[in-house]
């Protein structure tokens, strides 16, 4: 299978998603220390993560949940050879939307967070439409 632009973007999305844990874990190490960070994360005696780190963890979980929908559609798109300028734009938009979503969610900016989420969903639906409409 050829590395399509959409698959390349998927690789960038997956790489960004796998790195999204770094800021909140760094915060946890600074807050709890390395030993307590490696211990039970649900330890009720451990100091809580800062609010921004809790939001970053939730944003990361959201990115993983959405990647589970986006990735198979991009792979199917590549397998059936349905790449178009519109699907390339949708994939790029998805990447930007997910990065914006993570940053603004972590920063606690609700309206922009929702708009970024909707842009990502719309991009995913555009790719789904291309897959379903391909004959």
Protein backbone atom coordinates (compact mmCIF):
# COMPACT_ATOMS: atom_id res chain seq x y z
CA UNK A 1 0.00 0.00 0.00
CA UNK A 2 1.22 3.48 -0.86
CA UNK A 3 1.72 6.14 1.81
CA UNK A 4 -1.07 8.53 0.89
CA UNK A 5 -1.19 12.10 2.23
CA UNK A 6 -4.03 11.01 4.53
CA UNK A 7 -1.92 8.14 5.93
CA UNK A 8 0.95 10.56 6.48
CA UNK A 9 -1.38 12.89 8.40
CA UNK A 10 -2.68 9.88 10.35
CA UNK A 11 0.90 9.13 11.34
CA UNK A 12 1.29 12.71 12.59
CA UNK A 13 -2.02 12.47 14.49
CA UNK A 14 -1.00 9.18 16.11
CA UNK A 15 2.42 10.57 17.04
CA UNK A 16 0.88 13.70 18.58
CA UNK A 17 -1.63 11.57 20.47
CA UNK A 18 1.04 9.28 21.90
CA UNK A 19 2.97 12.34 23.14
CA UNK A 20 0.01 14.07 24.78
CA UNK A 21 0.67 12.32 28.10
CA UNK A 22 4.07 13.98 28.52
CA UNK A 23 2.93 17.36 29.94
CA UNK A 24 0.55 15.95 32.54
CA UNK A 25 2.96 13.24 33.60
CA UNK A 26 5.76 15.80 33.93
CA UNK A 27 3.41 17.81 36.13
CA UNK A 28 2.65 14.73 38.20
CA UNK A 29 6.37 14.05 38.68
CA UNK A 30 6.86 17.64 39.84
CA UNK A 31 3.82 17.44 42.14
CA UNK A 32 4.27 13.95 43.61
CA UNK A 33 7.87 13.10 42.88
CA UNK A 34 9.08 10.26 40.67
CA UNK A 35 8.53 7.42 43.16
CA UNK A 36 4.92 8.34 44.00
CA UNK A 37 4.25 8.94 40.30
CA UNK A 38 5.30 5.37 39.54
CA UNK A 39 3.18 4.05 42.42
CA UNK A 40 -0.60 3.78 42.52
CA UNK A 41 -2.08 6.69 40.50
CA UNK A 42 -5.30 6.45 42.53
CA UNK A 43 -3.51 6.83 45.88
CA UNK A 44 -5.89 9.04 47.91
CA UNK A 45 -3.00 10.41 50.00
CA UNK A 46 -1.12 11.71 46.94
CA UNK A 47 -1.46 15.39 46.11
CA UNK A 48 -3.90 16.00 43.27
CA UNK A 49 -2.71 16.98 39.83
CA UNK A 50 -3.10 20.67 39.01
CA UNK A 51 -6.35 21.53 37.22
CA UNK A 52 -4.58 22.10 33.89
CA UNK A 53 -2.94 18.66 34.12
CA UNK A 54 -6.30 17.03 34.82
CA UNK A 55 -7.71 18.77 31.74
CA UNK A 56 -4.69 17.64 29.69
CA UNK A 57 -5.33 14.05 30.74
CA UNK A 58 -8.98 14.33 29.70
CA UNK A 59 -7.98 15.96 26.40
CA UNK A 60 -5.57 13.08 25.78
CA UNK A 61 -8.31 10.52 26.49
CA UNK A 62 -10.59 12.39 24.08
CA UNK A 63 -7.88 12.32 21.41
CA UNK A 64 -7.50 8.55 21.81
CA UNK A 65 -11.27 8.04 21.58
CA UNK A 66 -11.48 10.07 18.39
CA UNK A 67 -8.40 8.44 16.88
CA UNK A 68 -10.19 5.11 17.20
CA UNK A 69 -12.77 6.39 14.70
CA UNK A 70 -10.53 8.49 12.44
CA UNK A 71 -7.73 5.95 11.92
CA UNK A 72 -9.76 3.07 10.45
CA UNK A 73 -11.52 5.41 8.05
CA UNK A 74 -8.20 6.79 6.79
CA UNK A 75 -6.81 3.27 6.41
CA UNK A 76 -9.90 2.13 4.50
CA UNK A 77 -9.66 5.25 2.34
CA UNK A 78 -6.07 4.34 1.44
CA UNK A 79 -6.92 0.69 0.82
CA UNK A 80 -9.66 1.53 -1.66
CA UNK A 81 -7.63 4.30 -3.31
CA UNK A 82 -10.19 7.03 -2.68
CA UNK A 83 -7.80 9.88 -1.84
CA UNK A 84 -8.95 13.25 -3.18
CA UNK A 85 -8.00 16.86 -2.50
CA UNK A 86 -11.07 17.04 -0.24
CA UNK A 87 -10.00 14.03 1.85
CA UNK A 88 -6.47 15.39 2.11
CA UNK A 89 -7.88 18.70 3.36
CA UNK A 90 -10.15 16.83 5.78
CA UNK A 91 -7.20 14.89 7.20
CA UNK A 92 -5.11 18.04 7.60
CA UNK A 93 -8.05 19.83 9.20
CA UNK A 94 -8.48 16.91 11.61
CA UNK A 95 -4.82 17.15 12.65
CA UNK A 96 -5.04 20.89 13.27
CA UNK A 97 -8.38 20.53 15.06
CA UNK A 98 -7.03 17.83 17.40
CA UNK A 99 -3.93 19.87 18.25
CA UNK A 100 -6.02 22.98 18.90
CA UNK A 101 -8.47 20.90 20.95
CA UNK A 102 -5.68 19.56 23.16
CA UNK A 103 -4.12 22.97 23.76
CA UNK A 104 -7.34 24.86 24.45
CA UNK A 105 -8.81 22.04 26.55
CA UNK A 106 -5.64 22.02 28.65
CA UNK A 107 -5.80 25.82 28.92
CA UNK A 108 -9.48 25.67 29.94
CA UNK A 109 -10.92 27.60 26.98
CA UNK A 110 -14.37 26.00 26.54
CA UNK A 111 -15.90 27.56 23.40
CA UNK A 112 -12.80 27.16 21.22
CA UNK A 113 -12.43 23.62 22.57
CA UNK A 114 -15.93 22.75 21.35
CA UNK A 115 -15.35 24.36 17.95
CA UNK A 116 -12.12 22.40 17.51
CA UNK A 117 -13.90 19.19 18.49
CA UNK A 118 -16.68 19.85 15.97
CA UNK A 119 -14.10 20.57 13.25
CA UNK A 120 -12.47 17.21 13.97
CA UNK A 121 -15.80 15.39 13.84
CA UNK A 122 -16.70 17.15 10.59
CA UNK A 123 -13.37 16.13 9.08
CA UNK A 124 -13.92 12.53 10.13
CA UNK A 125 -17.40 12.58 8.59
CA UNK A 126 -15.97 13.95 5.32
CA UNK A 127 -13.59 11.01 5.13
CA UNK A 128 -16.39 8.59 6.02
CA UNK A 129 -18.48 10.08 3.22
CA UNK A 130 -15.62 9.60 0.75
CA UNK A 131 -15.26 5.97 1.81
CA UNK A 132 -18.99 5.26 1.67
CA UNK A 133 -19.40 7.11 -1.62
CA UNK A 134 -16.55 5.32 -3.36
CA UNK A 135 -17.64 2.79 -5.92
